């Protein structure tokens, strides 16, 4: 079976996010000063071949832990559906 995973990786809330801070600062410059607290992360979409949804989730979890997210500095969340 083929599954699609949508993964979001974000900096931990306790850590400084220089990109988010820069974007937040730019909001006021373009007249959107009411927007603040911007955090910039990344979105990853991948496809995985697996025997079941549980097997696909296990593979996605392993990919997140081993390569897609630095768990010291980032958190991640994902959703999986049949492709």
Protein backbone atom coordinates (compact mmCIF):
# COMPACT_ATOMS: atom_id res chain seq x y z
CA UNK A 1 0.00 0.00 0.00
CA UNK A 2 1.08 3.58 -0.60
CA UNK A 3 0.68 6.28 2.02
CA UNK A 4 1.21 10.03 2.00
CA UNK A 5 2.65 11.72 5.08
CA UNK A 6 2.44 15.46 5.76
CA UNK A 7 5.07 16.44 8.34
CA UNK A 8 5.52 19.79 10.10
CA UNK A 9 8.82 20.55 11.82
CA UNK A 10 8.97 23.61 14.08
CA UNK A 11 11.55 25.13 16.40
CA UNK A 12 10.85 24.43 20.05
CA UNK A 13 8.89 27.24 21.73
CA UNK A 14 11.62 27.69 24.35
CA UNK A 15 14.24 28.49 21.68
CA UNK A 16 14.87 31.68 19.77
CA UNK A 17 13.60 31.60 16.19
CA UNK A 18 15.65 34.17 14.22
CA UNK A 19 13.64 33.68 11.03
CA UNK A 20 10.37 34.08 12.90
CA UNK A 21 11.68 37.19 14.63
CA UNK A 22 12.70 38.71 11.28
CA UNK A 23 9.29 37.98 9.76
CA UNK A 24 7.54 39.39 12.84
CA UNK A 25 9.60 42.59 12.49
CA UNK A 26 8.69 42.85 8.82
CA UNK A 27 4.98 42.62 9.55
CA UNK A 28 4.93 46.11 11.07
CA UNK A 29 6.87 47.48 8.10
CA UNK A 30 4.13 46.35 5.71
CA UNK A 31 1.30 47.58 7.90
CA UNK A 32 0.51 44.32 9.68
CA UNK A 33 1.76 45.25 13.15
CA UNK A 34 -1.12 43.34 14.74
CA UNK A 35 0.61 40.08 13.71
CA UNK A 36 3.28 38.85 16.09
CA UNK A 37 4.84 35.71 17.49
CA UNK A 38 5.71 34.30 14.06
CA UNK A 39 7.57 30.98 14.14
CA UNK A 40 9.10 29.65 10.92
CA UNK A 41 9.44 25.92 10.38
CA UNK A 42 9.21 23.60 7.43
CA UNK A 43 6.71 21.27 5.86
CA UNK A 44 7.72 17.92 4.38
CA UNK A 45 5.51 15.70 2.24
CA UNK A 46 6.62 12.18 1.50
CA UNK A 47 5.22 8.93 0.20
CA UNK A 48 5.93 5.58 1.77
CA UNK A 49 5.21 2.00 0.74
CA UNK A 50 4.03 -0.04 3.71
CA UNK A 51 1.87 -3.07 4.51
CA UNK A 52 -0.44 -1.10 6.80
CA UNK A 53 -1.09 2.36 8.20
CA UNK A 54 0.67 1.34 11.42
CA UNK A 55 3.74 0.23 9.45
CA UNK A 56 3.71 3.53 7.52
CA UNK A 57 3.45 5.49 10.77
CA UNK A 58 6.39 3.57 12.20
CA UNK A 59 8.51 4.41 9.15
CA UNK A 60 7.53 8.09 9.21
CA UNK A 61 8.27 8.29 12.94
CA UNK A 62 11.71 6.79 12.34
CA UNK A 63 12.41 9.23 9.49
CA UNK A 64 11.40 12.17 11.69
CA UNK A 65 13.57 11.06 14.59
CA UNK A 66 16.63 10.13 12.52
CA UNK A 67 16.80 12.76 9.79
CA UNK A 68 13.91 15.21 9.42
CA UNK A 69 13.92 16.83 12.87
CA UNK A 70 16.65 17.71 15.35
CA UNK A 71 14.82 16.78 18.54
CA UNK A 72 17.11 18.96 20.66
CA UNK A 73 15.87 22.07 18.84
CA UNK A 74 12.70 21.06 16.99
CA UNK A 75 9.37 19.36 17.44
CA UNK A 76 7.41 17.58 14.74
CA UNK A 77 3.90 16.42 14.00
CA UNK A 78 2.50 14.48 11.08
CA UNK A 79 -0.58 13.01 9.50
CA UNK A 80 -0.72 9.95 7.28
CA UNK A 81 -3.34 8.92 4.74
CA UNK A 82 -3.60 6.41 1.93
CA UNK A 83 -2.31 7.83 -1.32
